[in-house]
Amino acid sequence: MTEIYGAAQPLTGAEIVNILQTQNGQMVNCSIPVSQIAALASGSGGTSSFDFASYADSLSTTLPSVSGTPWNNGGLISVS
């Protein structure tokens, strides 16, 4: 059994998030600071920014019939 030694602390932005993604057919582990994810999500990440809100708005709001398809599930990007 895992013991809990303290409650979660407020995020500073320096915490690292690990993301598994496929690149050129290979599964890779990418690490990115929370602060950089926030900048990307807000569209203020410079040339590498990604506007998550616009992307979510562009997705279908109806559950796709094809498995593995991203869709806008009430503002949450989900995969069917």
PDB file of N, CA and C in Angstrom:
ATOM      1  N   MET A   1       0.834  -1.179   0.000  1.00  0.00           N
ATOM      2  CA  MET A   1       0.000   0.000   0.000  1.00  0.00           C
ATOM      3  C   MET A   1       0.880   1.245   0.000  1.00  0.00           C
ATOM      4  N   THR A   2       0.505   2.246  -0.796  1.00  0.00           N
ATOM      5  CA  THR A   2       1.262   3.486  -0.884  1.00  0.00           C
ATOM      6  C   THR A   2       0.847   4.430   0.234  1.00  0.00           C
ATOM      7  N   GLU A   3       1.836   4.964   0.925  1.00  0.00           N
ATOM      8  CA  GLU A   3       1.572   5.928   1.987  1.00  0.00           C
ATOM      9  C   GLU A   3       1.574   7.337   1.410  1.00  0.00           C
ATOM     10  N   ILE A   4       0.702   8.186   1.917  1.00  0.00           N
ATOM     11  CA  ILE A   4       0.668   9.589   1.513  1.00  0.00           C
ATOM     12  C   ILE A   4       1.379  10.388   2.597  1.00  0.00           C
ATOM     13  N   TYR A   5       2.395  11.137   2.190  1.00  0.00           N
ATOM     14  CA  TYR A   5       3.197  11.891   3.144  1.00  0.00           C
ATOM     15  C   TYR A   5       2.915  13.387   3.117  1.00  0.00           C
ATOM     16  N   GLY A   6       2.038  13.834   2.285  1.00  0.00           N
ATOM     17  CA  GLY A   6       1.713  15.247   2.233  1.00  0.00           C
ATOM     18  C   GLY A   6       0.681  15.512   1.164  1.00  0.00           C
ATOM     19  N   ALA A   7       0.031  16.635   1.282  1.00  0.00           N
ATOM     20  CA  ALA A   7      -0.974  17.023   0.298  1.00  0.00           C
ATOM     21  C   ALA A   7      -0.292  17.669  -0.910  1.00  0.00           C
ATOM     22  N   ALA A   8      -0.986  17.656  -2.022  1.00  0.00           N
ATOM     23  CA  ALA A   8      -0.455  18.316  -3.221  1.00  0.00           C
ATOM     24  C   ALA A   8      -0.260  19.803  -2.955  1.00  0.00           C
ATOM     25  N   GLN A   9       0.822  20.328  -3.465  1.00  0.00           N
ATOM     26  CA  GLN A   9       1.145  21.742  -3.299  1.00  0.00           C
ATOM     27  C   GLN A   9       0.734  22.507  -4.558  1.00  0.00           C
ATOM     28  N   PRO A  10       0.554  23.829  -4.467  1.00  0.00           N
ATOM     29  CA  PRO A  10       0.234  24.606  -5.669  1.00  0.00           C
ATOM     30  C   PRO A  10       1.341  24.445  -6.718  1.00  0.00           C
ATOM     31  N   LEU A  11       0.949  24.430  -7.974  1.00  0.00           N
ATOM     32  CA  LEU A  11       1.922  24.299  -9.055  1.00  0.00           C
ATOM     33  C   LEU A  11       2.741  25.577  -9.190  1.00  0.00           C
ATOM     34  N   THR A  12       4.025  25.417  -9.474  1.00  0.00           N
ATOM     35  CA  THR A  12       4.908  26.562  -9.685  1.00  0.00           C
ATOM     36  C   THR A  12       5.135  26.827 -11.169  1.00  0.00           C
ATOM     37  N   GLY A  13       4.835  25.842 -12.001  1.00  0.00           N
ATOM     38  CA  GLY A  13       5.097  25.950 -13.432  1.00  0.00           C
ATOM     39  C   GLY A  13       6.362  25.224 -13.837  1.00  0.00           C
ATOM     40  N   ALA A  14       7.204  24.893 -12.850  1.00  0.00           N
ATOM     41  CA  ALA A  14       8.463  24.209 -13.138  1.00  0.00           C
ATOM     42  C   ALA A  14       8.294  22.692 -13.161  1.00  0.00           C
ATOM     43  N   GLU A  15       7.134  22.195 -12.732  1.00  0.00           N
ATOM     44  CA  GLU A  15       6.900  20.746 -12.723  1.00  0.00           C
ATOM     45  C   GLU A  15       6.964  20.204 -14.147  1.00  0.00           C
ATOM     46  N   ILE A  16       7.455  18.989 -14.276  1.00  0.00           N
ATOM     47  CA  ILE A  16       7.609  18.358 -15.589  1.00  0.00           C
ATOM     48  C   ILE A  16       6.443  17.403 -15.845  1.00  0.00           C
ATOM     49  N   VAL A  17       5.862  17.499 -17.036  1.00  0.00           N
ATOM     50  CA  VAL A  17       4.802  16.602 -17.477  1.00  0.00           C
ATOM     51  C   VAL A  17       5.403  15.710 -18.559  1.00  0.00           C
ATOM     52  N   ASN A  18       5.205  14.413 -18.436  1.00  0.00           N
ATOM     53  CA  ASN A  18       5.683  13.462 -19.447  1.00  0.00           C
ATOM     54  C   ASN A  18       4.525  13.060 -20.340  1.00  0.00           C
ATOM     55  N   ILE A  19       4.755  13.127 -21.640  1.00  0.00           N
ATOM     56  CA  ILE A  19       3.733  12.809 -22.632  1.00  0.00           C
ATOM     57  C   ILE A  19       4.281  11.716 -23.544  1.00  0.00           C
ATOM     58  N   LEU A  20       3.528  10.623 -23.672  1.00  0.00           N
ATOM     59  CA  LEU A  20       3.900   9.580 -24.624  1.00  0.00           C
ATOM     60  C   LEU A  20       3.216   9.885 -25.946  1.00  0.00           C
ATOM     61  N   GLN A  21       3.973   9.932 -27.023  1.00  0.00           N
ATOM     62  CA  GLN A  21       3.388  10.203 -28.333  1.00  0.00           C
ATOM     63  C   GLN A  21       4.136   9.418 -29.400  1.00  0.00           C
ATOM     64  N   THR A  22       3.497   9.269 -30.533  1.00  0.00           N
ATOM     65  CA  THR A  22       4.114   8.569 -31.653  1.00  0.00           C
ATOM     66  C   THR A  22       4.766   9.583 -32.579  1.00  0.00           C
ATOM     67  N   GLN A  23       6.033   9.354 -32.875  1.00  0.00           N
ATOM     68  CA  GLN A  23       6.776  10.181 -33.818  1.00  0.00           C
ATOM     69  C   GLN A  23       7.451   9.257 -34.816  1.00  0.00           C
ATOM     70  N   ASN A  24       7.117   9.426 -36.089  1.00  0.00           N
ATOM     71  CA  ASN A  24       7.678   8.594 -37.151  1.00  0.00           C
ATOM     72  C   ASN A  24       7.514   7.101 -36.859  1.00  0.00           C
ATOM     73  N   GLY A  25       6.360   6.728 -36.322  1.00  0.00           N
ATOM     74  CA  GLY A  25       6.058   5.337 -36.064  1.00  0.00           C
ATOM     75  C   GLY A  25       6.671   4.778 -34.796  1.00  0.00           C
ATOM     76  N   GLN A  26       7.409   5.590 -34.053  1.00  0.00           N
ATOM     77  CA  GLN A  26       8.045   5.151 -32.819  1.00  0.00           C
ATOM     78  C   GLN A  26       7.390   5.848 -31.625  1.00  0.00           C
ATOM     79  N   MET A  27       7.194   5.116 -30.537  1.00  0.00           N
ATOM     80  CA  MET A  27       6.635   5.695 -29.328  1.00  0.00           C
ATOM     81  C   MET A  27       7.759   6.392 -28.566  1.00  0.00           C
ATOM     82  N   VAL A  28       7.581   7.679 -28.266  1.00  0.00           N
ATOM     83  CA  VAL A  28       8.607   8.440 -27.555  1.00  0.00           C
ATOM     84  C   VAL A  28       7.998   9.108 -26.331  1.00  0.00           C
ATOM     85  N   ASN A  29       8.828   9.350 -25.336  1.00  0.00           N
ATOM     86  CA  ASN A  29       8.424  10.027 -24.112  1.00  0.00           C
ATOM     87  C   ASN A  29       8.957  11.453 -24.181  1.00  0.00           C
ATOM     88  N   CYS A  30       8.069  12.427 -24.236  1.00  0.00           N
ATOM     89  CA  CYS A  30       8.451  13.830 -24.297  1.00  0.00           C
ATOM     90  C   CYS A  30       8.175  14.467 -22.938  1.00  0.00           C
ATOM     91  N   SER A  31       9.076  15.319 -22.487  1.00  0.00           N
ATOM     92  CA  SER A  31       8.903  16.015 -21.222  1.00  0.00           C
ATOM     93  C   SER A  31       8.789  17.510 -21.486  1.00  0.00           C
ATOM     94  N   ILE A  32       7.863  18.157 -20.776  1.00  0.00           N
ATOM     95  CA  ILE A  32       7.620  19.578 -20.973  1.00  0.00           C
ATOM     96  C   ILE A  32       7.193  20.193 -19.635  1.00  0.00           C
ATOM     97  N   PRO A  33       7.697  21.379 -19.303  1.00  0.00           N
ATOM     98  CA  PRO A  33       7.272  22.022 -18.059  1.00  0.00           C
ATOM     99  C   PRO A  33       5.803  22.445 -18.126  1.00  0.00           C
ATOM    100  N   VAL A  34       5.130  22.407 -16.997  1.00  0.00           N
ATOM    101  CA  VAL A  34       3.726  22.825 -16.927  1.00  0.00           C
ATOM    102  C   VAL A  34       3.564  24.236 -17.485  1.00  0.00           C
ATOM    103  N   SER A  35       4.504  25.130 -17.197  1.00  0.00           N
ATOM    104  CA  SER A  35       4.404  26.515 -17.669  1.00  0.00           C
ATOM    105  C   SER A  35       4.392  26.599 -19.192  1.00  0.00           C
ATOM    106  N   GLN A  36       5.125  25.709 -19.860  1.00  0.00           N
ATOM    107  CA  GLN A  36       5.143  25.717 -21.322  1.00  0.00           C
ATOM    108  C   GLN A  36       3.826  25.193 -21.882  1.00  0.00           C
ATOM    109  N   ILE A  37       3.235  24.203 -21.230  1.00  0.00           N
ATOM    110  CA  ILE A  37       1.922  23.710 -21.664  1.00  0.00           C
ATOM    111  C   ILE A  37       0.896  24.831 -21.541  1.00  0.00           C
ATOM    112  N   ALA A  38       0.946  25.579 -20.439  1.00  0.00           N
ATOM    113  CA  ALA A  38       0.014  26.689 -20.246  1.00  0.00           C
ATOM    114  C   ALA A  38       0.186  27.734 -21.337  1.00  0.00           C
ATOM    115  N   ALA A  39       1.432  28.030 -21.717  1.00  0.00           N
ATOM    116  CA  ALA A  39       1.681  28.999 -22.787  1.00  0.00           C
ATOM    117  C   ALA A  39       1.149  28.496 -24.123  1.00  0.00           C
ATOM    118  N   LEU A  40       1.342  27.204 -24.394  1.00  0.00           N
ATOM    119  CA  LEU A  40       0.826  26.627 -25.637  1.00  0.00           C
ATOM    120  C   LEU A  40      -0.697  26.665 -25.662  1.00  0.00           C
ATOM    121  N   ALA A  41      -1.311  26.335 -24.538  1.00  0.00           N
ATOM    122  CA  ALA A  41      -2.767  26.298 -24.469  1.00  0.00           C
ATOM    123  C   ALA A  41      -3.379  27.685 -24.619  1.00  0.00           C
ATOM    124  N   SER A  42      -2.666  28.711 -24.177  1.00  0.00           N
ATOM    125  CA  SER A  42      -3.205  30.066 -24.261  1.00  0.00           C
ATOM    126  C   SER A  42      -2.902  30.729 -25.597  1.00  0.00           C
ATOM    127  N   GLY A  43      -2.080  30.078 -26.411  1.00  0.00           N
ATOM    128  CA  GLY A  43      -1.712  30.661 -27.703  1.00  0.00           C
ATOM    129  C   GLY A  43      -0.579  31.659 -27.584  1.00  0.00           C
ATOM    130  N   SER A  44       0.077  31.741 -26.410  1.00  0.00           N
ATOM    131  CA  SER A  44       1.160  32.700 -26.224  1.00  0.00           C
ATOM    132  C   SER A  44       2.524  32.034 -26.221  1.00  0.00           C
ATOM    133  N   GLY A  45       2.619  30.879 -26.854  1.00  0.00           N
ATOM    134  CA  GLY A  45       3.870  30.124 -26.849  1.00  0.00           C
ATOM    135  C   GLY A  45       4.807  30.437 -27.993  1.00  0.00           C
ATOM    136  N   GLY A  46       4.644  31.585 -28.645  1.00  0.00           N
ATOM    137  CA  GLY A  46       5.518  31.952 -29.753  1.00  0.00           C
ATOM    138  C   GLY A  46       5.199  31.148 -30.997  1.00  0.00           C
ATOM    139  N   THR A  47       6.218  30.864 -31.793  1.00  0.00           N
ATOM    140  CA  THR A  47       5.997  30.187 -33.071  1.00  0.00           C
ATOM    141  C   THR A  47       5.546  28.749 -32.891  1.00  0.00           C
ATOM    142  N   SER A  48       5.791  28.171 -31.713  1.00  0.00           N
ATOM    143  CA  SER A  48       5.399  26.784 -31.500  1.00  0.00           C
ATOM    144  C   SER A  48       4.060  26.674 -30.777  1.00  0.00           C
ATOM    145  N   SER A  49       3.331  27.793 -30.693  1.00  0.00           N
ATOM    146  CA  SER A  49       2.067  27.756 -29.951  1.00  0.00           C
ATOM    147  C   SER A  49       1.009  26.956 -30.698  1.00  0.00           C
ATOM    148  N   PHE A  50       0.125  26.402 -29.938  1.00  0.00           N
ATOM    149  CA  PHE A  50      -0.991  25.626 -30.479  1.00  0.00           C
ATOM    150  C   PHE A  50      -2.244  26.103 -29.779  1.00  0.00           C
ATOM    151  N   ASP A  51      -3.220  26.525 -30.521  1.00  0.00           N
ATOM    152  CA  ASP A  51      -4.441  27.066 -29.942  1.00  0.00           C
ATOM    153  C   ASP A  51      -5.431  25.929 -29.671  1.00  0.00           C
ATOM    154  N   PHE A  52      -5.382  25.396 -28.446  1.00  0.00           N
ATOM    155  CA  PHE A  52      -6.234  24.267 -28.081  1.00  0.00           C
ATOM    156  C   PHE A  52      -7.717  24.615 -28.180  1.00  0.00           C
ATOM    157  N   ALA A  53      -8.075  25.846 -27.826  1.00  0.00           N
ATOM    158  CA  ALA A  53      -9.488  26.238 -27.863  1.00  0.00           C
ATOM    159  C   ALA A  53     -10.019  26.189 -29.294  1.00  0.00           C
ATOM    160  N   SER A  54      -9.264  26.724 -30.243  1.00  0.00           N
ATOM    161  CA  SER A  54      -9.699  26.690 -31.646  1.00  0.00           C
ATOM    162  C   SER A  54      -9.762  25.258 -32.159  1.00  0.00           C
ATOM    163  N   TYR A  55      -8.789  24.452 -31.744  1.00  0.00           N
ATOM    164  CA  TYR A  55      -8.784  23.054 -32.163  1.00  0.00           C
ATOM    165  C   TYR A  55     -10.024  22.340 -31.631  1.00  0.00           C
ATOM    166  N   ALA A  56     -10.323  22.524 -30.349  1.00  0.00           N
ATOM    167  CA  ALA A  56     -11.503  21.883 -29.757  1.00  0.00           C
ATOM    168  C   ALA A  56     -12.777  22.362 -30.443  1.00  0.00           C
ATOM    169  N   ASP A  57     -12.844  23.663 -30.756  1.00  0.00           N
ATOM    170  CA  ASP A  57     -14.029  24.211 -31.423  1.00  0.00           C
ATOM    171  C   ASP A  57     -14.213  23.627 -32.816  1.00  0.00           C
ATOM    172  N   SER A  58     -13.102  23.212 -33.452  1.00  0.00           N
ATOM    173  CA  SER A  58     -13.190  22.690 -34.820  1.00  0.00           C
ATOM    174  C   SER A  58     -13.643  21.230 -34.859  1.00  0.00           C
ATOM    175  N   LEU A  59     -13.635  20.563 -33.714  1.00  0.00           N
ATOM    176  CA  LEU A  59     -13.997  19.143 -33.669  1.00  0.00           C
ATOM    177  C   LEU A  59     -15.509  18.953 -33.595  1.00  0.00           C
ATOM    178  N   SER A  60     -15.954  17.802 -34.054  1.00  0.00           N
ATOM    179  CA  SER A  60     -17.364  17.439 -33.971  1.00  0.00           C
ATOM    180  C   SER A  60     -17.783  17.351 -32.511  1.00  0.00           C
ATOM    181  N   THR A  61     -19.000  17.771 -32.215  1.00  0.00           N
ATOM    182  CA  THR A  61     -19.529  17.663 -30.849  1.00  0.00           C
ATOM    183  C   THR A  61     -20.390  16.405 -30.693  1.00  0.00           C
ATOM    184  N   THR A  62     -20.416  15.586 -31.731  1.00  0.00           N
ATOM    185  CA  THR A  62     -21.147  14.316 -31.707  1.00  0.00           C
ATOM    186  C   THR A  62     -20.136  13.178 -31.637  1.00  0.00           C
ATOM    187  N   LEU A  63     -20.374  12.197 -30.778  1.00  0.00           N
ATOM    188  CA  LEU A  63     -19.471  11.054 -30.651  1.00  0.00           C
ATOM    189  C   LEU A  63     -19.277  10.389 -32.007  1.00  0.00           C
ATOM    190  N   PRO A  64     -18.033  10.344 -32.521  1.00  0.00           N
ATOM    191  CA  PRO A  64     -17.779   9.709 -33.812  1.00  0.00           C
ATOM    192  C   PRO A  64     -18.022   8.201 -33.757  1.00  0.00           C
ATOM    193  N   SER A  65     -18.432   7.655 -34.876  1.00  0.00           N
ATOM    194  CA  SER A  65     -18.672   6.208 -34.945  1.00  0.00           C
ATOM    195  C   SER A  65     -17.373   5.431 -35.144  1.00  0.00           C
ATOM    196  N   VAL A  66     -16.314   6.127 -35.569  1.00  0.00           N
ATOM    197  CA  VAL A  66     -15.028   5.481 -35.812  1.00  0.00           C
ATOM    198  C   VAL A  66     -14.170   5.579 -34.554  1.00  0.00           C
ATOM    199  N   SER A  67     -13.693   4.451 -34.062  1.00  0.00           N
ATOM    200  CA  SER A  67     -12.851   4.409 -32.873  1.00  0.00           C
ATOM    201  C   SER A  67     -11.538   5.151 -33.118  1.00  0.00           C
ATOM    202  N   GLY A  68     -11.076   5.874 -32.089  1.00  0.00           N
ATOM    203  CA  GLY A  68      -9.797   6.571 -32.169  1.00  0.00           C
ATOM    204  C   GLY A  68      -9.885   7.969 -32.748  1.00  0.00           C
ATOM    205  N   THR A  69     -11.092   8.499 -32.928  1.00  0.00           N
ATOM    206  CA  THR A  69     -11.285   9.817 -33.517  1.00  0.00           C
ATOM    207  C   THR A  69     -11.465  10.868 -32.424  1.00  0.00           C
ATOM    208  N   PRO A  70     -10.675  11.969 -32.458  1.00  0.00           N
ATOM    209  CA  PRO A  70     -10.876  13.021 -31.459  1.00  0.00           C
ATOM    210  C   PRO A  70     -12.188  13.759 -31.698  1.00  0.00           C
ATOM    211  N   TRP A  71     -12.820  14.202 -30.592  1.00  0.00           N
ATOM    212  CA  TRP A  71     -14.063  14.965 -30.701  1.00  0.00           C
ATOM    213  C   TRP A  71     -14.193  15.895 -29.514  1.00  0.00           C
ATOM    214  N   ASN A  72     -15.032  16.918 -29.656  1.00  0.00           N
ATOM    215  CA  ASN A  72     -15.257  17.914 -28.612  1.00  0.00           C
ATOM    216  C   ASN A  72     -16.385  17.418 -27.718  1.00  0.00           C
ATOM    217  N   ASN A  73     -16.033  16.889 -26.578  1.00  0.00           N
ATOM    218  CA  ASN A  73     -16.975  16.314 -25.631  1.00  0.00           C
ATOM    219  C   ASN A  73     -17.325  17.366 -24.579  1.00  0.00           C
ATOM    220  N   GLY A  74     -18.121  18.353 -24.965  1.00  0.00           N
ATOM    221  CA  GLY A  74     -18.514  19.414 -24.040  1.00  0.00           C
ATOM    222  C   GLY A  74     -17.342  20.276 -23.603  1.00  0.00           C
ATOM    223  N   GLY A  75     -16.394  20.558 -24.489  1.00  0.00           N
ATOM    224  CA  GLY A  75     -15.239  21.369 -24.168  1.00  0.00           C
ATOM    225  C   GLY A  75     -14.016  20.566 -23.757  1.00  0.00           C
ATOM    226  N   LEU A  76     -14.170  19.261 -23.638  1.00  0.00           N
ATOM    227  CA  LEU A  76     -13.074  18.354 -23.292  1.00  0.00           C
ATOM    228  C   LEU A  76     -12.724  17.561 -24.532  1.00  0.00           C
ATOM    229  N   ILE A  77     -11.461  17.612 -24.957  1.00  0.00           N
ATOM    230  CA  ILE A  77     -11.064  16.832 -26.116  1.00  0.00           C
ATOM    231  C   ILE A  77     -10.991  15.375 -25.707  1.00  0.00           C
ATOM    232  N   SER A  78     -11.832  14.554 -26.343  1.00  0.00           N
ATOM    233  CA  SER A  78     -11.905  13.121 -26.049  1.00  0.00           C
ATOM    234  C   SER A  78     -11.592  12.331 -27.304  1.00  0.00           C
ATOM    235  N   VAL A  79     -11.301  11.064 -27.139  1.00  0.00           N
ATOM    236  CA  VAL A  79     -11.045  10.162 -28.267  1.00  0.00           C
ATOM    237  C   VAL A  79     -12.072   9.049 -28.201  1.00  0.00           C
ATOM    238  N   SER A  80     -12.770   8.846 -29.321  1.00  0.00           N
ATOM    239  CA  SER A  80     -13.835   7.824 -29.359  1.00  0.00           C
ATOM    240  C   SER A  80     -13.279   6.426 -29.251  1.00  0.00           C
TER     241      SER A  80
END
